[in-house]
Amino acid sequence: MQQFFKQNTGQLPSVDLIVECLRRGSIEITDGDDENDNVPHGNKTYPRIDALLALESVRRSLQLELLTTQKAFR
């Protein structure tokens, strides 16, 4: 994610942007009782990071920044 951002902007992304993109690029999973094991389950939902979705989130952020700052039209 950092490399992609730097290749496209010449600078490193902020920590806040990385965290935001990791969150947006996650899939919710539920710790349910759908496994065949002897472990108690809490039925809680947790985010699981999907690396490709997180990278796509960085790309969309860069696109949105270009559109909102009109850099793409200069």
N, C-alpha and C. Protein backbone atom coordinates (compact mmCIF):
# COMPACT_ATOMS: atom_id res chain seq x y z
N MET A 1 0.83 -1.17 0.00
CA MET A 1 0.00 0.00 0.00
C MET A 1 0.88 1.25 0.00
N GLN A 2 1.91 1.23 0.85
CA GLN A 2 2.81 2.38 0.88
C GLN A 2 3.55 2.55 -0.44
N GLN A 3 4.01 1.44 -1.00
CA GLN A 3 4.74 1.50 -2.26
C GLN A 3 3.85 2.03 -3.38
N PHE A 4 2.63 1.54 -3.46
CA PHE A 4 1.70 1.99 -4.49
C PHE A 4 1.43 3.49 -4.34
N PHE A 5 1.19 3.93 -3.11
CA PHE A 5 0.93 5.34 -2.85
C PHE A 5 2.14 6.19 -3.25
N LYS A 6 3.33 5.73 -2.84
CA LYS A 6 4.55 6.51 -3.14
C LYS A 6 4.83 6.56 -4.63
N GLN A 7 4.59 5.46 -5.34
CA GLN A 7 4.82 5.45 -6.79
C GLN A 7 3.90 6.45 -7.50
N ASN A 8 2.73 6.68 -6.93
CA ASN A 8 1.76 7.56 -7.58
C ASN A 8 1.80 9.00 -7.09
N THR A 9 2.39 9.25 -5.92
CA THR A 9 2.39 10.60 -5.38
C THR A 9 3.78 11.15 -5.09
N GLY A 10 4.76 10.25 -4.96
CA GLY A 10 6.11 10.69 -4.61
C GLY A 10 6.33 10.86 -3.13
N GLN A 11 5.33 10.54 -2.33
CA GLN A 11 5.46 10.65 -0.88
C GLN A 11 4.79 9.45 -0.20
N LEU A 12 5.09 9.27 1.06
CA LEU A 12 4.48 8.18 1.81
C LEU A 12 3.10 8.59 2.31
N PRO A 13 2.19 7.64 2.42
CA PRO A 13 0.84 7.97 2.93
C PRO A 13 0.88 8.18 4.43
N SER A 14 -0.11 8.88 4.93
CA SER A 14 -0.21 9.08 6.38
C SER A 14 -0.66 7.78 7.04
N VAL A 15 -0.35 7.68 8.32
CA VAL A 15 -0.78 6.51 9.08
C VAL A 15 -2.30 6.44 9.08
N ASP A 16 -2.95 7.58 9.21
CA ASP A 16 -4.42 7.61 9.21
C ASP A 16 -5.00 7.04 7.92
N LEU A 17 -4.39 7.37 6.79
CA LEU A 17 -4.87 6.85 5.51
C LEU A 17 -4.68 5.33 5.43
N ILE A 18 -3.54 4.85 5.88
CA ILE A 18 -3.29 3.41 5.87
C ILE A 18 -4.32 2.69 6.73
N VAL A 19 -4.56 3.19 7.93
CA VAL A 19 -5.54 2.56 8.83
C VAL A 19 -6.94 2.59 8.20
N GLU A 20 -7.30 3.72 7.63
CA GLU A 20 -8.62 3.85 6.98
C GLU A 20 -8.77 2.85 5.83
N CYS A 21 -7.73 2.72 5.02
CA CYS A 21 -7.80 1.80 3.88
C CYS A 21 -7.79 0.34 4.33
N LEU A 22 -7.09 0.04 5.40
CA LEU A 22 -7.13 -1.32 5.94
C LEU A 22 -8.53 -1.64 6.45
N ARG A 23 -9.16 -0.68 7.08
CA ARG A 23 -10.52 -0.91 7.58
C ARG A 23 -11.51 -1.07 6.43
N ARG A 24 -11.38 -0.19 5.43
CA ARG A 24 -12.28 -0.29 4.28
C ARG A 24 -12.03 -1.55 3.47
N GLY A 25 -10.80 -2.04 3.54
CA GLY A 25 -10.45 -3.24 2.79
C GLY A 25 -10.55 -4.50 3.63
N SER A 26 -11.47 -4.51 4.56
CA SER A 26 -11.63 -5.71 5.39
C SER A 26 -13.00 -6.34 5.14
N ILE A 27 -13.07 -7.59 5.48
CA ILE A 27 -14.31 -8.35 5.36
C ILE A 27 -14.70 -8.81 6.75
N GLU A 28 -15.95 -8.63 7.10
CA GLU A 28 -16.40 -9.04 8.43
C GLU A 28 -16.59 -10.55 8.48
N ILE A 29 -16.05 -11.14 9.53
CA ILE A 29 -16.26 -12.56 9.77
C ILE A 29 -16.89 -12.72 11.15
N THR A 30 -17.68 -13.75 11.33
CA THR A 30 -18.34 -13.99 12.60
C THR A 30 -17.78 -15.25 13.24
N ASP A 31 -17.43 -15.13 14.49
CA ASP A 31 -16.96 -16.27 15.26
C ASP A 31 -18.18 -17.07 15.70
N GLY A 32 -18.74 -17.78 14.75
CA GLY A 32 -19.96 -18.53 15.01
C GLY A 32 -19.68 -19.99 15.27
N ASP A 33 -20.73 -20.71 15.43
CA ASP A 33 -20.62 -22.14 15.72
C ASP A 33 -20.80 -22.96 14.44
N ASP A 34 -20.07 -22.55 13.39
CA ASP A 34 -20.19 -23.27 12.13
C ASP A 34 -19.00 -24.19 11.86
N GLU A 35 -18.08 -24.26 12.83
CA GLU A 35 -16.94 -25.15 12.69
C GLU A 35 -17.21 -26.43 13.48
N ASN A 36 -16.57 -27.48 13.03
CA ASN A 36 -16.72 -28.76 13.73
C ASN A 36 -15.55 -28.89 14.71
N ASP A 37 -15.65 -28.24 15.86
CA ASP A 37 -14.61 -28.30 16.87
C ASP A 37 -15.22 -28.24 18.27
N ASN A 38 -14.38 -28.28 19.26
CA ASN A 38 -14.87 -28.27 20.63
C ASN A 38 -14.56 -26.96 21.35
N VAL A 39 -14.42 -25.88 20.60
CA VAL A 39 -14.09 -24.57 21.15
C VAL A 39 -15.36 -23.74 21.28
N PRO A 40 -15.57 -23.10 22.44
CA PRO A 40 -16.75 -22.24 22.55
C PRO A 40 -16.60 -21.00 21.65
N HIS A 41 -17.69 -20.59 21.05
CA HIS A 41 -17.68 -19.45 20.13
C HIS A 41 -18.50 -18.31 20.73
N GLY A 42 -18.04 -17.08 20.48
CA GLY A 42 -18.68 -15.92 21.06
C GLY A 42 -19.69 -15.23 20.16
N ASN A 43 -19.82 -15.70 18.92
CA ASN A 43 -20.71 -15.07 17.94
C ASN A 43 -20.42 -13.58 17.77
N LYS A 44 -19.15 -13.18 17.91
CA LYS A 44 -18.75 -11.79 17.69
C LYS A 44 -18.26 -11.63 16.26
N THR A 45 -18.35 -10.41 15.77
CA THR A 45 -17.92 -10.10 14.41
C THR A 45 -16.57 -9.39 14.47
N TYR A 46 -15.66 -9.82 13.60
CA TYR A 46 -14.32 -9.25 13.55
C TYR A 46 -13.98 -8.90 12.10
N PRO A 47 -13.17 -7.84 11.91
CA PRO A 47 -12.72 -7.54 10.55
C PRO A 47 -11.51 -8.41 10.19
N ARG A 48 -11.51 -8.95 8.98
CA ARG A 48 -10.35 -9.69 8.46
C ARG A 48 -9.86 -8.90 7.26
N ILE A 49 -8.61 -8.52 7.28
CA ILE A 49 -8.05 -7.69 6.21
C ILE A 49 -7.91 -8.51 4.93
N ASP A 50 -8.37 -7.91 3.85
CA ASP A 50 -8.17 -8.46 2.51
C ASP A 50 -7.17 -7.54 1.82
N ALA A 51 -5.98 -8.03 1.56
CA ALA A 51 -4.90 -7.19 1.04
C ALA A 51 -5.27 -6.52 -0.28
N LEU A 52 -5.92 -7.24 -1.18
CA LEU A 52 -6.28 -6.64 -2.47
C LEU A 52 -7.35 -5.56 -2.30
N LEU A 53 -8.31 -5.78 -1.42
CA LEU A 53 -9.32 -4.74 -1.17
C LEU A 53 -8.70 -3.51 -0.52
N ALA A 54 -7.73 -3.71 0.36
CA ALA A 54 -7.06 -2.57 1.00
C ALA A 54 -6.28 -1.76 -0.04
N LEU A 55 -5.59 -2.46 -0.94
CA LEU A 55 -4.87 -1.76 -2.01
C LEU A 55 -5.83 -1.03 -2.93
N GLU A 56 -6.95 -1.65 -3.23
CA GLU A 56 -7.98 -0.99 -4.05
C GLU A 56 -8.51 0.26 -3.35
N SER A 57 -8.60 0.21 -2.04
CA SER A 57 -9.06 1.36 -1.28
C SER A 57 -8.07 2.52 -1.39
N VAL A 58 -6.78 2.22 -1.40
CA VAL A 58 -5.76 3.26 -1.60
C VAL A 58 -5.93 3.87 -2.99
N ARG A 59 -6.11 3.02 -3.99
CA ARG A 59 -6.29 3.51 -5.36
C ARG A 59 -7.50 4.42 -5.47
N ARG A 60 -8.60 4.01 -4.85
CA ARG A 60 -9.81 4.85 -4.89
C ARG A 60 -9.59 6.18 -4.17
N SER A 61 -8.84 6.15 -3.07
CA SER A 61 -8.54 7.39 -2.34
C SER A 61 -7.74 8.35 -3.21
N LEU A 62 -6.77 7.81 -3.93
CA LEU A 62 -5.98 8.66 -4.83
C LEU A 62 -6.83 9.22 -5.96
N GLN A 63 -7.71 8.39 -6.51
CA GLN A 63 -8.60 8.86 -7.57
C GLN A 63 -9.51 9.97 -7.06
N LEU A 64 -10.07 9.77 -5.91
CA LEU A 64 -10.96 10.77 -5.33
C LEU A 64 -10.22 12.08 -5.07
N GLU A 65 -8.99 11.96 -4.57
CA GLU A 65 -8.20 13.17 -4.32
C GLU A 65 -7.93 13.92 -5.62
N LEU A 66 -7.62 13.18 -6.67
CA LEU A 66 -7.39 13.82 -7.96
C LEU A 66 -8.63 14.54 -8.46
N LEU A 67 -9.77 13.90 -8.31
CA LEU A 67 -11.01 14.51 -8.79
C LEU A 67 -11.41 15.72 -7.96
N THR A 68 -11.22 15.64 -6.65
CA THR A 68 -11.66 16.76 -5.80
C THR A 68 -10.70 17.94 -5.87
N THR A 69 -9.43 17.70 -6.17
CA THR A 69 -8.48 18.81 -6.27
C THR A 69 -8.31 19.27 -7.71
N GLN A 70 -8.95 18.59 -8.64
CA GLN A 70 -8.92 18.90 -10.07
C GLN A 70 -7.52 18.81 -10.65
N LYS A 71 -6.64 18.04 -9.99
CA LYS A 71 -5.29 17.84 -10.53
C LYS A 71 -5.35 17.09 -11.85
N ALA A 72 -6.36 16.27 -11.99
CA ALA A 72 -6.48 15.45 -13.19
C ALA A 72 -6.82 16.29 -14.43
N PHE A 73 -7.29 17.51 -14.23
CA PHE A 73 -7.75 18.32 -15.35
C PHE A 73 -6.79 19.47 -15.68
N ARG A 74 -5.64 19.52 -15.06
CA ARG A 74 -4.69 20.60 -15.33
C ARG A 74 -3.70 20.25 -16.39
